[in-house]
């Protein structure tokens, strides 16, 4: 029986685990450029293996539908999943409710001010510029991963929705300015990676 708590895993894409792709996934993988095949095979194989542990079934019984370039989905009775990868790292999530996740390298160099002016609501830009310059990149990255996770949670897109999400650092609160959504959000710095999760129960999610 599935656990009621969201589960998250921070892993390496360079996994030695056996491939667990379905026949359809093998076809999709073969059609990808060579540089993307390893990422696809590793991420889907590891996702199926982790979800199988949560559901208490064999990996082959996990009804995962995950075409390249599309958000992965499970059968309606198996819950919800999300994937994020950056460089060699892979973040996976399972939850009984819709969930979105994102990760970025914590020390990633950024031009925080011009990026914020382009993508963030005016109030958040104002708050960011009130910080000392040396703090702006970290605050920008924190906001960015939370918003990317929220966009996956809401099944939207960066182009359509990024500028409508506001991150309040002091309250640790996300707010969609048009829809008035305030989904639960959690973010952590783990092993040098800034990780965010959005959805019901993520504040008490189990990290594995």
C-alpha atoms as a PDB file:
ATOM      1  CA  UNK A   1       0.000   0.000   0.000  1.00  0.00           C
ATOM      2  CA  UNK A   2       1.342   3.423  -0.948  1.00  0.00           C
ATOM      3  CA  UNK A   3       2.675   5.729   1.733  1.00  0.00           C
ATOM      4  CA  UNK A   4       0.555   8.870   2.267  1.00  0.00           C
ATOM      5  CA  UNK A   5       3.651  11.082   2.460  1.00  0.00           C
ATOM      6  CA  UNK A   6       5.472  12.487  -0.578  1.00  0.00           C
ATOM      7  CA  UNK A   7       8.822  10.837  -1.242  1.00  0.00           C
ATOM      8  CA  UNK A   8      11.879  12.565  -2.756  1.00  0.00           C
ATOM      9  CA  UNK A   9      15.198  11.160  -3.917  1.00  0.00           C
ATOM     10  CA  UNK A  10      18.365  13.085  -4.821  1.00  0.00           C
ATOM     11  CA  UNK A  11      20.429  10.732  -6.992  1.00  0.00           C
ATOM     12  CA  UNK A  12      23.140  10.615  -9.632  1.00  0.00           C
ATOM     13  CA  UNK A  13      22.273  10.305 -13.297  1.00  0.00           C
ATOM     14  CA  UNK A  14      25.347   8.113 -13.666  1.00  0.00           C
ATOM     15  CA  UNK A  15      23.661   5.147 -12.011  1.00  0.00           C
ATOM     16  CA  UNK A  16      24.840   1.538 -12.193  1.00  0.00           C
ATOM     17  CA  UNK A  17      21.286   0.261 -11.733  1.00  0.00           C
ATOM     18  CA  UNK A  18      19.872  -2.004 -14.460  1.00  0.00           C
ATOM     19  CA  UNK A  19      17.742  -0.498 -17.190  1.00  0.00           C
ATOM     20  CA  UNK A  20      14.038  -0.750 -16.410  1.00  0.00           C
ATOM     21  CA  UNK A  21      12.552   0.818 -19.505  1.00  0.00           C
ATOM     22  CA  UNK A  22       9.373  -0.508 -21.064  1.00  0.00           C
ATOM     23  CA  UNK A  23       9.349  -1.577 -24.716  1.00  0.00           C
ATOM     24  CA  UNK A  24       7.783   1.773 -25.658  1.00  0.00           C
ATOM     25  CA  UNK A  25      10.391   3.681 -23.660  1.00  0.00           C
ATOM     26  CA  UNK A  26      13.157   1.731 -25.381  1.00  0.00           C
ATOM     27  CA  UNK A  27      11.780   2.942 -28.720  1.00  0.00           C
ATOM     28  CA  UNK A  28      11.582   6.523 -27.504  1.00  0.00           C
ATOM     29  CA  UNK A  29      15.102   6.312 -26.083  1.00  0.00           C
ATOM     30  CA  UNK A  30      16.526   4.936 -29.330  1.00  0.00           C
ATOM     31  CA  UNK A  31      15.104   7.924 -31.202  1.00  0.00           C
ATOM     32  CA  UNK A  32      16.913  10.465 -29.025  1.00  0.00           C
ATOM     33  CA  UNK A  33      20.334  11.976 -29.780  1.00  0.00           C
ATOM     34  CA  UNK A  34      23.107   9.896 -28.216  1.00  0.00           C
ATOM     35  CA  UNK A  35      23.897  12.561 -25.605  1.00  0.00           C
ATOM     36  CA  UNK A  36      20.298  12.417 -24.298  1.00  0.00           C
ATOM     37  CA  UNK A  37      19.851   8.649 -24.270  1.00  0.00           C
ATOM     38  CA  UNK A  38      21.803   8.097 -21.038  1.00  0.00           C
ATOM     39  CA  UNK A  39      19.813  10.802 -19.245  1.00  0.00           C
ATOM     40  CA  UNK A  40      16.486   9.402 -20.408  1.00  0.00           C
ATOM     41  CA  UNK A  41      17.377   5.780 -19.613  1.00  0.00           C
ATOM     42  CA  UNK A  42      18.766   6.582 -16.181  1.00  0.00           C
ATOM     43  CA  UNK A  43      16.011   8.940 -15.077  1.00  0.00           C
ATOM     44  CA  UNK A  44      13.112   6.703 -16.140  1.00  0.00           C
ATOM     45  CA  UNK A  45      14.737   3.511 -14.872  1.00  0.00           C
ATOM     46  CA  UNK A  46      15.487   5.037 -11.474  1.00  0.00           C
ATOM     47  CA  UNK A  47      12.027   6.601 -11.261  1.00  0.00           C
ATOM     48  CA  UNK A  48      10.307   3.287 -11.960  1.00  0.00           C
ATOM     49  CA  UNK A  49      12.505   1.502  -9.387  1.00  0.00           C
ATOM     50  CA  UNK A  50      11.823   4.094  -6.648  1.00  0.00           C
ATOM     51  CA  UNK A  51       8.077   4.208  -7.285  1.00  0.00           C
ATOM     52  CA  UNK A  52       7.966   0.412  -7.145  1.00  0.00           C
ATOM     53  CA  UNK A  53       9.487   0.566  -3.653  1.00  0.00           C
ATOM     54  CA  UNK A  54       6.804   3.010  -2.509  1.00  0.00           C
ATOM     55  CA  UNK A  55       3.942   1.046  -4.034  1.00  0.00           C
ATOM     56  CA  UNK A  56       5.264  -2.334  -2.925  1.00  0.00           C
ATOM     57  CA  UNK A  57       5.276  -3.842  -6.394  1.00  0.00           C
ATOM     58  CA  UNK A  58       7.727  -4.929  -9.066  1.00  0.00           C
ATOM     59  CA  UNK A  59       9.168  -2.150 -11.275  1.00  0.00           C
ATOM     60  CA  UNK A  60       7.452  -3.685 -14.296  1.00  0.00           C
ATOM     61  CA  UNK A  61       4.079  -3.108 -12.597  1.00  0.00           C
ATOM     62  CA  UNK A  62       4.603   0.655 -12.362  1.00  0.00           C
ATOM     63  CA  UNK A  63       2.307   2.163 -14.998  1.00  0.00           C
ATOM     64  CA  UNK A  64       4.626   4.991 -16.040  1.00  0.00           C
ATOM     65  CA  UNK A  65       3.904   7.027 -19.179  1.00  0.00           C
ATOM     66  CA  UNK A  66       6.908   9.224 -19.877  1.00  0.00           C
ATOM     67  CA  UNK A  67       7.543  10.319 -23.475  1.00  0.00           C
ATOM     68  CA  UNK A  68      10.700  12.410 -23.925  1.00  0.00           C
ATOM     69  CA  UNK A  69      10.102  16.098 -23.320  1.00  0.00           C
ATOM     70  CA  UNK A  70       6.799  15.556 -21.501  1.00  0.00           C
ATOM     71  CA  UNK A  71       5.992  15.420 -17.777  1.00  0.00           C
ATOM     72  CA  UNK A  72       5.902  11.801 -16.553  1.00  0.00           C
ATOM     73  CA  UNK A  73       2.542  10.385 -15.459  1.00  0.00           C
ATOM     74  CA  UNK A  74       1.375   7.352 -13.555  1.00  0.00           C
ATOM     75  CA  UNK A  75      -1.887   5.449 -13.761  1.00  0.00           C
ATOM     76  CA  UNK A  76      -4.620   7.144 -11.735  1.00  0.00           C
ATOM     77  CA  UNK A  77      -4.367   4.688  -8.828  1.00  0.00           C
ATOM     78  CA  UNK A  78      -0.574   4.934  -8.471  1.00  0.00           C
ATOM     79  CA  UNK A  79      -0.143   8.604  -7.557  1.00  0.00           C
ATOM     80  CA  UNK A  80       1.892  11.399  -9.133  1.00  0.00           C
ATOM     81  CA  UNK A  81       5.562  11.813 -10.048  1.00  0.00           C
ATOM     82  CA  UNK A  82       7.946  14.563 -11.084  1.00  0.00           C
ATOM     83  CA  UNK A  83      11.508  14.615 -12.452  1.00  0.00           C
ATOM     84  CA  UNK A  84      14.231  17.263 -12.487  1.00  0.00           C
ATOM     85  CA  UNK A  85      17.844  16.899 -13.591  1.00  0.00           C
ATOM     86  CA  UNK A  86      20.818  19.231 -13.835  1.00  0.00           C
ATOM     87  CA  UNK A  87      24.311  18.212 -14.921  1.00  0.00           C
ATOM     88  CA  UNK A  88      24.996  14.900 -13.143  1.00  0.00           C
ATOM     89  CA  UNK A  89      22.220  15.176 -10.540  1.00  0.00           C
ATOM     90  CA  UNK A  90      18.714  13.742 -10.631  1.00  0.00           C
ATOM     91  CA  UNK A  91      15.807  14.660  -8.360  1.00  0.00           C
ATOM     92  CA  UNK A  92      12.755  12.385  -8.323  1.00  0.00           C
ATOM     93  CA  UNK A  93       9.446  12.705  -6.488  1.00  0.00           C
ATOM     94  CA  UNK A  94       6.366  10.597  -5.840  1.00  0.00           C
ATOM     95  CA  UNK A  95       3.224  11.797  -4.061  1.00  0.00           C
ATOM     96  CA  UNK A  96      -0.423  10.775  -3.656  1.00  0.00           C
ATOM     97  CA  UNK A  97      -1.289  14.316  -4.854  1.00  0.00           C
ATOM     98  CA  UNK A  98       0.067  16.438  -7.738  1.00  0.00           C
ATOM     99  CA  UNK A  99       3.692  17.440  -7.128  1.00  0.00           C
ATOM    100  CA  UNK A 100       6.379  19.450  -8.895  1.00  0.00           C
ATOM    101  CA  UNK A 101      10.118  19.574  -8.215  1.00  0.00           C
ATOM    102  CA  UNK A 102      13.214  21.382  -9.416  1.00  0.00           C
ATOM    103  CA  UNK A 103      16.932  21.523  -8.650  1.00  0.00           C
ATOM    104  CA  UNK A 104      19.898  23.682  -9.571  1.00  0.00           C
ATOM    105  CA  UNK A 105      23.522  23.737  -8.475  1.00  0.00           C
ATOM    106  CA  UNK A 106      23.694  25.963  -5.379  1.00  0.00           C
ATOM    107  CA  UNK A 107      26.923  27.671  -6.487  1.00  0.00           C
ATOM    108  CA  UNK A 108      25.752  28.245 -10.060  1.00  0.00           C
ATOM    109  CA  UNK A 109      26.941  31.688 -11.280  1.00  0.00           C
ATOM    110  CA  UNK A 110      23.990  33.935 -12.090  1.00  0.00           C
ATOM    111  CA  UNK A 111      23.229  37.461 -13.216  1.00  0.00           C
ATOM    112  CA  UNK A 112      20.472  37.779 -10.656  1.00  0.00           C
ATOM    113  CA  UNK A 113      19.414  41.389 -11.252  1.00  0.00           C
ATOM    114  CA  UNK A 114      18.787  41.286 -15.043  1.00  0.00           C
ATOM    115  CA  UNK A 115      17.144  37.859 -14.797  1.00  0.00           C
ATOM    116  CA  UNK A 116      14.843  39.023 -12.005  1.00  0.00           C
ATOM    117  CA  UNK A 117      13.868  42.159 -13.927  1.00  0.00           C
ATOM    118  CA  UNK A 118      12.965  39.992 -16.896  1.00  0.00           C
ATOM    119  CA  UNK A 119      11.054  37.199 -15.158  1.00  0.00           C
ATOM    120  CA  UNK A 120       9.941  38.232 -11.652  1.00  0.00           C
ATOM    121  CA  UNK A 121       6.999  40.357 -10.441  1.00  0.00           C
ATOM    122  CA  UNK A 122       7.856  43.974  -9.606  1.00  0.00           C
ATOM    123  CA  UNK A 123       7.522  43.529  -5.835  1.00  0.00           C
ATOM    124  CA  UNK A 124       9.948  40.629  -5.800  1.00  0.00           C
ATOM    125  CA  UNK A 125      12.448  42.560  -7.919  1.00  0.00           C
ATOM    126  CA  UNK A 126      12.237  45.389  -5.397  1.00  0.00           C
ATOM    127  CA  UNK A 127      12.861  43.012  -2.500  1.00  0.00           C
ATOM    128  CA  UNK A 128      15.787  41.407  -4.305  1.00  0.00           C
ATOM    129  CA  UNK A 129      17.485  44.730  -5.059  1.00  0.00           C
ATOM    130  CA  UNK A 130      17.146  45.735  -1.409  1.00  0.00           C
ATOM    131  CA  UNK A 131      19.584  42.941  -0.518  1.00  0.00           C
ATOM    132  CA  UNK A 132      23.368  43.357  -0.506  1.00  0.00           C
ATOM    133  CA  UNK A 133      24.730  42.354  -3.948  1.00  0.00           C
ATOM    134  CA  UNK A 134      26.508  39.287  -2.546  1.00  0.00           C
ATOM    135  CA  UNK A 135      23.161  37.825  -1.365  1.00  0.00           C
ATOM    136  CA  UNK A 136      21.183  38.303  -4.547  1.00  0.00           C
ATOM    137  CA  UNK A 137      22.272  35.217  -6.495  1.00  0.00           C
ATOM    138  CA  UNK A 138      21.326  32.848  -3.673  1.00  0.00           C
ATOM    139  CA  UNK A 139      17.947  34.509  -3.173  1.00  0.00           C
ATOM    140  CA  UNK A 140      17.252  34.500  -6.907  1.00  0.00           C
ATOM    141  CA  UNK A 141      18.115  30.799  -7.183  1.00  0.00           C
ATOM    142  CA  UNK A 142      15.909  29.948  -4.200  1.00  0.00           C
ATOM    143  CA  UNK A 143      12.997  31.736  -5.844  1.00  0.00           C
ATOM    144  CA  UNK A 144      13.674  30.232  -9.263  1.00  0.00           C
ATOM    145  CA  UNK A 145      13.628  26.578  -8.182  1.00  0.00           C
ATOM    146  CA  UNK A 146      10.454  27.107  -6.136  1.00  0.00           C
ATOM    147  CA  UNK A 147       8.714  28.673  -9.128  1.00  0.00           C
ATOM    148  CA  UNK A 148       9.877  25.998 -11.563  1.00  0.00           C
ATOM    149  CA  UNK A 149       8.548  23.374  -9.158  1.00  0.00           C
ATOM    150  CA  UNK A 150       5.249  25.281  -8.931  1.00  0.00           C
ATOM    151  CA  UNK A 151       4.958  25.405 -12.719  1.00  0.00           C
ATOM    152  CA  UNK A 152       5.364  21.618 -12.879  1.00  0.00           C
ATOM    153  CA  UNK A 153       2.843  21.202 -10.057  1.00  0.00           C
ATOM    154  CA  UNK A 154       0.280  23.301 -11.956  1.00  0.00           C
ATOM    155  CA  UNK A 155       1.102  21.679 -15.333  1.00  0.00           C
ATOM    156  CA  UNK A 156       1.801  25.094 -16.835  1.00  0.00           C
ATOM    157  CA  UNK A 157       4.869  26.507 -18.609  1.00  0.00           C
ATOM    158  CA  UNK A 158       7.648  28.975 -17.823  1.00  0.00           C
ATOM    159  CA  UNK A 159       6.656  31.189 -20.739  1.00  0.00           C
ATOM    160  CA  UNK A 160       3.031  31.425 -19.623  1.00  0.00           C
ATOM    161  CA  UNK A 161       3.344  31.530 -15.868  1.00  0.00           C
ATOM    162  CA  UNK A 162       6.763  32.412 -14.443  1.00  0.00           C
ATOM    163  CA  UNK A 163       6.083  36.134 -14.120  1.00  0.00           C
ATOM    164  CA  UNK A 164       2.847  35.449 -12.187  1.00  0.00           C
ATOM    165  CA  UNK A 165       4.518  33.547  -9.343  1.00  0.00           C
ATOM    166  CA  UNK A 166       5.827  35.478  -6.344  1.00  0.00           C
ATOM    167  CA  UNK A 167       8.146  33.926  -3.746  1.00  0.00           C
ATOM    168  CA  UNK A 168       8.128  35.431  -0.250  1.00  0.00           C
ATOM    169  CA  UNK A 169      11.426  34.434   1.337  1.00  0.00           C
ATOM    170  CA  UNK A 170      10.517  35.536   4.864  1.00  0.00           C
ATOM    171  CA  UNK A 171       7.248  33.578   4.932  1.00  0.00           C
ATOM    172  CA  UNK A 172       8.554  30.761   2.718  1.00  0.00           C
ATOM    173  CA  UNK A 173       5.384  31.202   0.701  1.00  0.00           C
ATOM    174  CA  UNK A 174       4.537  30.950  -2.983  1.00  0.00           C
ATOM    175  CA  UNK A 175       1.679  32.979  -4.395  1.00  0.00           C
ATOM    176  CA  UNK A 176       0.235  32.956  -7.900  1.00  0.00           C
ATOM    177  CA  UNK A 177      -0.837  36.558  -8.436  1.00  0.00           C
ATOM    178  CA  UNK A 178      -3.552  35.814 -11.015  1.00  0.00           C
ATOM    179  CA  UNK A 179      -5.062  32.554  -9.720  1.00  0.00           C
ATOM    180  CA  UNK A 180      -4.491  33.309  -6.005  1.00  0.00           C
ATOM    181  CA  UNK A 181      -2.929  29.890  -5.520  1.00  0.00           C
ATOM    182  CA  UNK A 182      -0.750  29.410  -2.447  1.00  0.00           C
ATOM    183  CA  UNK A 183       0.486  25.833  -2.700  1.00  0.00           C
ATOM    184  CA  UNK A 184       2.663  24.251  -0.044  1.00  0.00           C
ATOM    185  CA  UNK A 185       6.336  24.667  -0.893  1.00  0.00           C
ATOM    186  CA  UNK A 186       9.575  23.337   0.596  1.00  0.00           C
ATOM    187  CA  UNK A 187      13.149  23.981  -0.452  1.00  0.00           C
ATOM    188  CA  UNK A 188      16.462  22.615   0.783  1.00  0.00           C
ATOM    189  CA  UNK A 189      20.146  22.805  -0.022  1.00  0.00           C
ATOM    190  CA  UNK A 190      21.337  19.198  -0.124  1.00  0.00           C
ATOM    191  CA  UNK A 191      24.773  17.991  -1.181  1.00  0.00           C
ATOM    192  CA  UNK A 192      25.434  21.264  -2.983  1.00  0.00           C
ATOM    193  CA  UNK A 193      22.092  21.307  -4.800  1.00  0.00           C
ATOM    194  CA  UNK A 194      19.186  23.703  -4.273  1.00  0.00           C
ATOM    195  CA  UNK A 195      16.043  21.538  -4.341  1.00  0.00           C
ATOM    196  CA  UNK A 196      12.400  22.624  -4.262  1.00  0.00           C
ATOM    197  CA  UNK A 197       9.112  20.719  -4.083  1.00  0.00           C
ATOM    198  CA  UNK A 198       5.564  22.052  -4.425  1.00  0.00           C
ATOM    199  CA  UNK A 199       2.341  20.226  -3.566  1.00  0.00           C
ATOM    200  CA  UNK A 200       0.288  18.925  -0.666  1.00  0.00           C
ATOM    201  CA  UNK A 201       2.437  17.487   2.113  1.00  0.00           C
ATOM    202  CA  UNK A 202       5.864  18.480   0.757  1.00  0.00           C
ATOM    203  CA  UNK A 203       6.886  20.185   4.008  1.00  0.00           C
ATOM    204  CA  UNK A 204       6.844  16.755   5.677  1.00  0.00           C
ATOM    205  CA  UNK A 205       8.091  14.801   2.660  1.00  0.00           C
ATOM    206  CA  UNK A 206      10.499  11.928   3.223  1.00  0.00           C
ATOM    207  CA  UNK A 207      13.909  12.433   1.623  1.00  0.00           C
ATOM    208  CA  UNK A 208      15.667   9.214   0.720  1.00  0.00           C
END
